[in-house]
PDB file of N, CA and C in Angstrom:
ATOM      1  N   MET A   1     -14.265 -39.649  -4.462  1.00  0.00           N
ATOM      2  CA  MET A   1     -13.377 -39.588  -5.751  1.00  0.00           C
ATOM      3  C   MET A   1     -12.670 -38.076  -5.667  1.00  0.00           C
ATOM      4  N   ARG A   2     -11.563 -38.016  -5.823  1.00  0.00           N
ATOM      5  CA  ARG A   2     -10.798 -36.827  -6.048  1.00  0.00           C
ATOM      6  C   ARG A   2     -10.431 -36.478  -7.431  1.00  0.00           C
ATOM      7  N   THR A   3     -10.805 -35.147  -7.467  1.00  0.00           N
ATOM      8  CA  THR A   3     -10.574 -34.486  -8.819  1.00  0.00           C
ATOM      9  C   THR A   3      -9.334 -33.887  -8.967  1.00  0.00           C
ATOM     10  N   GLU A   4      -8.773 -34.219  -9.995  1.00  0.00           N
ATOM     11  CA  GLU A   4      -7.231 -33.856 -10.418  1.00  0.00           C
ATOM     12  C   GLU A   4      -7.096 -32.416 -10.516  1.00  0.00           C
ATOM     13  N   VAL A   5      -6.101 -31.712  -9.868  1.00  0.00           N
ATOM     14  CA  VAL A   5      -5.980 -30.364  -9.865  1.00  0.00           C
ATOM     15  C   VAL A   5      -5.088 -29.984 -11.095  1.00  0.00           C
ATOM     16  N   ASP A   6      -5.532 -28.835 -11.836  1.00  0.00           N
ATOM     17  CA  ASP A   6      -4.725 -28.186 -12.805  1.00  0.00           C
ATOM     18  C   ASP A   6      -3.932 -26.999 -12.044  1.00  0.00           C
ATOM     19  N   ALA A   7      -2.647 -27.193 -11.552  1.00  0.00           N
ATOM     20  CA  ALA A   7      -1.970 -26.102 -10.818  1.00  0.00           C
ATOM     21  C   ALA A   7      -1.497 -25.349 -11.838  1.00  0.00           C
ATOM     22  N   ARG A   8      -1.885 -24.002 -11.637  1.00  0.00           N
ATOM     23  CA  ARG A   8      -1.122 -22.970 -12.492  1.00  0.00           C
ATOM     24  C   ARG A   8       0.093 -22.533 -11.936  1.00  0.00           C
ATOM     25  N   PRO A   9       0.917 -21.867 -12.711  1.00  0.00           N
ATOM     26  CA  PRO A   9       2.292 -21.472 -12.320  1.00  0.00           C
ATOM     27  C   PRO A   9       2.451 -20.697 -11.102  1.00  0.00           C
ATOM     28  N   VAL A  10       1.504 -19.845 -10.943  1.00  0.00           N
ATOM     29  CA  VAL A  10       1.307 -18.949  -9.706  1.00  0.00           C
ATOM     30  C   VAL A  10       1.321 -19.765  -8.394  1.00  0.00           C
ATOM     31  N   ALA A  11       0.307 -21.022  -8.397  1.00  0.00           N
ATOM     32  CA  ALA A  11       0.234 -21.840  -7.336  1.00  0.00           C
ATOM     33  C   ALA A  11       1.491 -22.520  -6.984  1.00  0.00           C
ATOM     34  N   ILE A  12       2.039 -22.962  -8.228  1.00  0.00           N
ATOM     35  CA  ILE A  12       3.426 -23.807  -8.189  1.00  0.00           C
ATOM     36  C   ILE A  12       4.478 -22.881  -7.408  1.00  0.00           C
ATOM     37  N   ALA A  13       4.534 -21.587  -7.737  1.00  0.00           N
ATOM     38  CA  ALA A  13       5.386 -20.670  -7.349  1.00  0.00           C
ATOM     39  C   ALA A  13       5.299 -20.511  -5.746  1.00  0.00           C
ATOM     40  N   TYR A  14       4.075 -20.425  -5.312  1.00  0.00           N
ATOM     41  CA  TYR A  14       3.533 -20.170  -3.934  1.00  0.00           C
ATOM     42  C   TYR A  14       3.940 -21.443  -3.051  1.00  0.00           C
ATOM     43  N   ALA A  15       3.535 -22.690  -3.732  1.00  0.00           N
ATOM     44  CA  ALA A  15       3.831 -23.672  -2.981  1.00  0.00           C
ATOM     45  C   ALA A  15       5.446 -24.093  -2.815  1.00  0.00           C
ATOM     46  N   ALA A  16       6.053 -23.587  -3.887  1.00  0.00           N
ATOM     47  CA  ALA A  16       7.709 -23.692  -3.872  1.00  0.00           C
ATOM     48  C   ALA A  16       7.859 -22.694  -2.584  1.00  0.00           C
ATOM     49  N   PHE A  17       7.590 -21.400  -2.754  1.00  0.00           N
ATOM     50  CA  PHE A  17       8.009 -20.457  -1.552  1.00  0.00           C
ATOM     51  C   PHE A  17       7.688 -21.030  -0.220  1.00  0.00           C
ATOM     52  N   LEU A  18       6.597 -21.601  -0.109  1.00  0.00           N
ATOM     53  CA  LEU A  18       6.193 -22.151   1.432  1.00  0.00           C
ATOM     54  C   LEU A  18       6.980 -23.327   1.623  1.00  0.00           C
ATOM     55  N   GLY A  19       7.578 -24.104   0.515  1.00  0.00           N
ATOM     56  CA  GLY A  19       8.594 -25.020   0.937  1.00  0.00           C
ATOM     57  C   GLY A  19      10.002 -24.626   1.114  1.00  0.00           C
ATOM     58  N   TYR A  20      10.195 -23.546   0.518  1.00  0.00           N
ATOM     59  CA  TYR A  20      11.488 -22.786   0.792  1.00  0.00           C
ATOM     60  C   TYR A  20      11.468 -22.325   2.254  1.00  0.00           C
ATOM     61  N   LEU A  21      10.437 -21.528   2.599  1.00  0.00           N
ATOM     62  CA  LEU A  21      10.286 -21.271   4.060  1.00  0.00           C
ATOM     63  C   LEU A  21      10.351 -22.274   5.064  1.00  0.00           C
ATOM     64  N   ALA A  22       9.780 -23.533   4.612  1.00  0.00           N
ATOM     65  CA  ALA A  22      10.067 -24.687   5.541  1.00  0.00           C
ATOM     66  C   ALA A  22      11.292 -25.447   5.501  1.00  0.00           C
ATOM     67  N   GLY A  23      12.296 -24.797   4.879  1.00  0.00           N
ATOM     68  CA  GLY A  23      13.641 -25.447   4.830  1.00  0.00           C
ATOM     69  C   GLY A  23      13.953 -26.104   3.600  1.00  0.00           C
ATOM     70  N   GLY A  24      13.134 -26.335   2.519  1.00  0.00           N
ATOM     71  CA  GLY A  24      13.311 -26.825   1.310  1.00  0.00           C
ATOM     72  C   GLY A  24      14.477 -26.232   0.363  1.00  0.00           C
ATOM     73  N   ARG A  25      15.341 -26.888  -0.249  1.00  0.00           N
ATOM     74  CA  ARG A  25      16.412 -25.958  -1.122  1.00  0.00           C
ATOM     75  C   ARG A  25      16.320 -26.947  -2.563  1.00  0.00           C
ATOM     76  N   GLY A  26      16.397 -26.240  -3.624  1.00  0.00           N
ATOM     77  CA  GLY A  26      16.696 -26.991  -4.843  1.00  0.00           C
ATOM     78  C   GLY A  26      15.331 -27.566  -5.223  1.00  0.00           C
ATOM     79  N   LEU A  27      15.134 -28.638  -5.742  1.00  0.00           N
ATOM     80  CA  LEU A  27      14.039 -29.433  -6.033  1.00  0.00           C
ATOM     81  C   LEU A  27      13.163 -29.708  -4.884  1.00  0.00           C
ATOM     82  N   GLY A  28      13.744 -29.686  -3.679  1.00  0.00           N
ATOM     83  CA  GLY A  28      13.160 -29.907  -2.297  1.00  0.00           C
ATOM     84  C   GLY A  28      12.072 -28.816  -2.011  1.00  0.00           C
ATOM     85  N   VAL A  29      12.158 -27.802  -2.752  1.00  0.00           N
ATOM     86  CA  VAL A  29      11.040 -26.598  -2.312  1.00  0.00           C
ATOM     87  C   VAL A  29       9.863 -27.169  -2.757  1.00  0.00           C
ATOM     88  N   LEU A  30       9.635 -28.253  -3.708  1.00  0.00           N
ATOM     89  CA  LEU A  30       8.377 -28.771  -3.898  1.00  0.00           C
ATOM     90  C   LEU A  30       8.168 -30.093  -3.229  1.00  0.00           C
ATOM     91  N   ASN A  31       8.897 -30.414  -2.194  1.00  0.00           N
ATOM     92  CA  ASN A  31       8.838 -31.685  -1.560  1.00  0.00           C
ATOM     93  C   ASN A  31       7.996 -31.319  -0.297  1.00  0.00           C
ATOM     94  N   ASN A  32       6.719 -31.070  -0.226  1.00  0.00           N
ATOM     95  CA  ASN A  32       5.927 -30.603   0.815  1.00  0.00           C
ATOM     96  C   ASN A  32       4.421 -30.871   0.501  1.00  0.00           C
ATOM     97  N   SER A  33       3.700 -30.676   1.638  1.00  0.00           N
ATOM     98  CA  SER A  33       2.323 -31.107   1.564  1.00  0.00           C
ATOM     99  C   SER A  33       1.531 -30.169   0.570  1.00  0.00           C
ATOM    100  N   TRP A  34       2.053 -28.902   0.521  1.00  0.00           N
ATOM    101  CA  TRP A  34       1.199 -27.977  -0.448  1.00  0.00           C
ATOM    102  C   TRP A  34       1.407 -28.533  -1.830  1.00  0.00           C
ATOM    103  N   SER A  35       2.549 -28.965  -2.205  1.00  0.00           N
ATOM    104  CA  SER A  35       2.757 -29.338  -3.487  1.00  0.00           C
ATOM    105  C   SER A  35       2.112 -30.535  -3.693  1.00  0.00           C
ATOM    106  N   GLN A  36       1.773 -31.549  -2.817  1.00  0.00           N
ATOM    107  CA  GLN A  36       1.109 -32.702  -2.969  1.00  0.00           C
ATOM    108  C   GLN A  36      -0.362 -32.393  -3.114  1.00  0.00           C
ATOM    109  N   ILE A  37      -1.008 -31.331  -2.470  1.00  0.00           N
ATOM    110  CA  ILE A  37      -2.201 -30.868  -2.705  1.00  0.00           C
ATOM    111  C   ILE A  37      -2.398 -30.520  -4.092  1.00  0.00           C
ATOM    112  N   LEU A  38      -1.494 -29.961  -4.707  1.00  0.00           N
ATOM    113  CA  LEU A  38      -1.485 -29.476  -6.074  1.00  0.00           C
ATOM    114  C   LEU A  38      -1.256 -30.730  -7.122  1.00  0.00           C
ATOM    115  N   GLY A  39      -0.788 -31.768  -6.455  1.00  0.00           N
ATOM    116  CA  GLY A  39      -0.640 -32.885  -7.513  1.00  0.00           C
ATOM    117  C   GLY A  39       0.564 -32.821  -8.225  1.00  0.00           C
ATOM    118  N   VAL A  40       1.627 -32.172  -7.612  1.00  0.00           N
ATOM    119  CA  VAL A  40       2.962 -32.178  -8.201  1.00  0.00           C
ATOM    120  C   VAL A  40       3.789 -33.453  -7.755  1.00  0.00           C
ATOM    121  N   ALA A  41       3.887 -34.408  -8.919  1.00  0.00           N
ATOM    122  CA  ALA A  41       4.490 -35.485  -8.675  1.00  0.00           C
ATOM    123  C   ALA A  41       6.034 -35.260  -8.629  1.00  0.00           C
ATOM    124  N   PRO A  42       6.797 -35.968  -7.875  1.00  0.00           N
ATOM    125  CA  PRO A  42       8.128 -35.883  -7.460  1.00  0.00           C
ATOM    126  C   PRO A  42       8.994 -35.834  -8.773  1.00  0.00           C
ATOM    127  N   GLY A  43       8.596 -36.452  -9.895  1.00  0.00           N
ATOM    128  CA  GLY A  43       9.216 -36.776 -11.177  1.00  0.00           C
ATOM    129  C   GLY A  43       8.848 -35.376 -12.068  1.00  0.00           C
ATOM    130  N   SER A  44       7.987 -34.586 -11.586  1.00  0.00           N
ATOM    131  CA  SER A  44       7.670 -33.484 -12.449  1.00  0.00           C
ATOM    132  C   SER A  44       7.913 -32.191 -11.745  1.00  0.00           C
ATOM    133  N   ALA A  45       8.734 -32.269 -10.765  1.00  0.00           N
ATOM    134  CA  ALA A  45       8.802 -30.883  -9.969  1.00  0.00           C
ATOM    135  C   ALA A  45       9.769 -29.936 -10.954  1.00  0.00           C
ATOM    136  N   LEU A  46      10.570 -30.338 -11.474  1.00  0.00           N
ATOM    137  CA  LEU A  46      11.490 -29.457 -12.322  1.00  0.00           C
ATOM    138  C   LEU A  46      10.681 -28.927 -13.638  1.00  0.00           C
ATOM    139  N   GLU A  47       9.887 -29.639 -14.073  1.00  0.00           N
ATOM    140  CA  GLU A  47       9.015 -29.271 -15.184  1.00  0.00           C
ATOM    141  C   GLU A  47       8.041 -28.103 -14.599  1.00  0.00           C
ATOM    142  N   ALA A  48       7.533 -28.427 -13.488  1.00  0.00           N
ATOM    143  CA  ALA A  48       6.527 -27.439 -12.635  1.00  0.00           C
ATOM    144  C   ALA A  48       7.188 -26.110 -12.426  1.00  0.00           C
ATOM    145  N   LEU A  49       8.482 -26.131 -12.020  1.00  0.00           N
ATOM    146  CA  LEU A  49       9.233 -24.805 -11.682  1.00  0.00           C
ATOM    147  C   LEU A  49       9.582 -24.169 -12.813  1.00  0.00           C
ATOM    148  N   ARG A  50       9.833 -24.696 -13.863  1.00  0.00           N
ATOM    149  CA  ARG A  50      10.200 -24.224 -15.212  1.00  0.00           C
ATOM    150  C   ARG A  50       8.971 -23.412 -15.763  1.00  0.00           C
ATOM    151  N   GLY A  51       7.934 -23.812 -15.540  1.00  0.00           N
ATOM    152  CA  GLY A  51       6.583 -23.101 -15.838  1.00  0.00           C
ATOM    153  C   GLY A  51       6.413 -21.766 -15.011  1.00  0.00           C
ATOM    154  N   ALA A  52       6.728 -22.086 -13.784  1.00  0.00           N
ATOM    155  CA  ALA A  52       6.721 -20.748 -13.059  1.00  0.00           C
ATOM    156  C   ALA A  52       7.667 -19.751 -13.278  1.00  0.00           C
ATOM    157  N   HIS A  53       8.970 -20.270 -13.784  1.00  0.00           N
ATOM    158  CA  HIS A  53       9.947 -19.434 -14.061  1.00  0.00           C
ATOM    159  C   HIS A  53       9.737 -18.765 -15.423  1.00  0.00           C
ATOM    160  N   THR A  54       9.163 -19.509 -16.504  1.00  0.00           N
ATOM    161  CA  THR A  54       8.663 -18.816 -17.526  1.00  0.00           C
ATOM    162  C   THR A  54       7.768 -17.736 -17.511  1.00  0.00           C
ATOM    163  N   GLN A  55       6.953 -17.714 -16.431  1.00  0.00           N
ATOM    164  CA  GLN A  55       5.996 -16.605 -16.056  1.00  0.00           C
ATOM    165  C   GLN A  55       6.588 -15.642 -15.356  1.00  0.00           C
ATOM    166  N   GLY A  56       7.840 -15.708 -14.894  1.00  0.00           N
ATOM    167  CA  GLY A  56       8.734 -14.680 -14.354  1.00  0.00           C
ATOM    168  C   GLY A  56       8.418 -14.524 -12.707  1.00  0.00           C
ATOM    169  N   LEU A  57       7.829 -15.706 -12.334  1.00  0.00           N
ATOM    170  CA  LEU A  57       7.399 -15.827 -10.975  1.00  0.00           C
ATOM    171  C   LEU A  57       8.673 -16.238  -9.905  1.00  0.00           C
ATOM    172  N   ILE A  58       9.526 -16.966 -10.438  1.00  0.00           N
ATOM    173  CA  ILE A  58      10.616 -17.532  -9.659  1.00  0.00           C
ATOM    174  C   ILE A  58      11.990 -17.314 -10.605  1.00  0.00           C
ATOM    175  N   ASP A  59      12.959 -17.332  -9.865  1.00  0.00           N
ATOM    176  CA  ASP A  59      14.419 -17.511 -10.630  1.00  0.00           C
ATOM    177  C   ASP A  59      14.645 -18.807 -10.615  1.00  0.00           C
ATOM    178  N   LEU A  60      15.105 -19.526 -11.527  1.00  0.00           N
ATOM    179  CA  LEU A  60      15.483 -20.865 -11.773  1.00  0.00           C
ATOM    180  C   LEU A  60      16.626 -21.149 -12.433  1.00  0.00           C
ATOM    181  N   LEU A  61      17.723 -21.719 -11.770  1.00  0.00           N
ATOM    182  CA  LEU A  61      19.097 -22.029 -12.286  1.00  0.00           C
ATOM    183  C   LEU A  61      19.285 -23.494 -12.359  1.00  0.00           C
ATOM    184  N   VAL A  62      19.678 -24.087 -13.418  1.00  0.00           N
ATOM    185  CA  VAL A  62      19.869 -25.620 -13.411  1.00  0.00           C
ATOM    186  C   VAL A  62      21.180 -25.786 -14.244  1.00  0.00           C
ATOM    187  N   ALA A  63      22.187 -26.523 -13.579  1.00  0.00           N
ATOM    188  CA  ALA A  63      23.410 -26.874 -14.075  1.00  0.00           C
ATOM    189  C   ALA A  63      23.573 -28.235 -13.674  1.00  0.00           C
ATOM    190  N   GLY A  64      23.333 -29.263 -14.527  1.00  0.00           N
ATOM    191  CA  GLY A  64      23.490 -30.683 -14.301  1.00  0.00           C
ATOM    192  C   GLY A  64      22.646 -30.924 -13.337  1.00  0.00           C
ATOM    193  N   ASN A  65      22.973 -31.623 -12.069  1.00  0.00           N
ATOM    194  CA  ASN A  65      21.844 -32.047 -11.142  1.00  0.00           C
ATOM    195  C   ASN A  65      21.812 -30.823  -9.980  1.00  0.00           C
ATOM    196  N   VAL A  66      22.551 -29.816 -10.251  1.00  0.00           N
ATOM    197  CA  VAL A  66      22.272 -28.762  -9.277  1.00  0.00           C
ATOM    198  C   VAL A  66      21.141 -27.656  -9.669  1.00  0.00           C
ATOM    199  N   VAL A  67      20.266 -27.462  -8.824  1.00  0.00           N
ATOM    200  CA  VAL A  67      19.118 -26.638  -9.049  1.00  0.00           C
ATOM    201  C   VAL A  67      19.018 -25.573  -7.829  1.00  0.00           C
ATOM    202  N   ASP A  68      18.835 -24.375  -8.476  1.00  0.00           N
ATOM    203  CA  ASP A  68      18.813 -23.162  -7.515  1.00  0.00           C
ATOM    204  C   ASP A  68      17.533 -22.351  -7.698  1.00  0.00           C
ATOM    205  N   VAL A  69      16.868 -22.256  -6.833  1.00  0.00           N
ATOM    206  CA  VAL A  69      15.544 -21.553  -6.796  1.00  0.00           C
ATOM    207  C   VAL A  69      15.548 -20.310  -6.003  1.00  0.00           C
ATOM    208  N   SER A  70      15.044 -19.199  -6.565  1.00  0.00           N
ATOM    209  CA  SER A  70      14.892 -18.010  -5.755  1.00  0.00           C
ATOM    210  C   SER A  70      13.695 -17.274  -6.060  1.00  0.00           C
ATOM    211  N   PHE A  71      13.259 -16.486  -5.083  1.00  0.00           N
ATOM    212  CA  PHE A  71      11.923 -15.833  -5.362  1.00  0.00           C
ATOM    213  C   PHE A  71      11.875 -14.289  -5.201  1.00  0.00           C
ATOM    214  N   PRO A  72      12.490 -13.684  -6.262  1.00  0.00           N
ATOM    215  CA  PRO A  72      12.714 -11.990  -5.975  1.00  0.00           C
ATOM    216  C   PRO A  72      11.184 -11.467  -6.169  1.00  0.00           C
ATOM    217  N   ALA A  73      10.203 -12.100  -6.601  1.00  0.00           N
ATOM    218  CA  ALA A  73       8.994 -11.561  -6.815  1.00  0.00           C
ATOM    219  C   ALA A  73       8.204 -11.608  -5.239  1.00  0.00           C
ATOM    220  N   LEU A  74       8.725 -12.524  -4.710  1.00  0.00           N
ATOM    221  CA  LEU A  74       8.020 -12.721  -3.209  1.00  0.00           C
ATOM    222  C   LEU A  74       8.838 -12.204  -2.148  1.00  0.00           C
ATOM    223  N   GLY A  75       9.797 -11.346  -2.369  1.00  0.00           N
ATOM    224  CA  GLY A  75      10.556 -10.539  -1.309  1.00  0.00           C
ATOM    225  C   GLY A  75      12.061 -11.037  -1.434  1.00  0.00           C
ATOM    226  N   GLY A  76      12.384 -11.778  -2.377  1.00  0.00           N
ATOM    227  CA  GLY A  76      13.841 -11.897  -2.664  1.00  0.00           C
ATOM    228  C   GLY A  76      14.591 -13.125  -1.817  1.00  0.00           C
ATOM    229  N   ALA A  77      13.732 -13.780  -1.327  1.00  0.00           N
ATOM    230  CA  ALA A  77      14.209 -15.119  -0.604  1.00  0.00           C
ATOM    231  C   ALA A  77      14.905 -16.001  -1.671  1.00  0.00           C
ATOM    232  N   GLY A  78      15.894 -16.739  -1.194  1.00  0.00           N
ATOM    233  CA  GLY A  78      16.560 -17.658  -2.063  1.00  0.00           C
ATOM    234  C   GLY A  78      18.117 -17.349  -2.363  1.00  0.00           C
TER     235      GLY A  78
END
């Protein structure tokens, strides 16, 4: 039996950063195995990123279907 993970914003930000380093962009930063381990469903990626943004861990810009994620707290990548 697998216990459901309660992923905190800092874990989401780190998973997104690892996804960025692996080549993901936009919502694709959470399309990786690290996000799967945290239980981030594809339909909840934007909500998860917004939580990390609210905590000041990432910069998130959303305009229609365009999503830009950057990581100034982790060295400015993005």
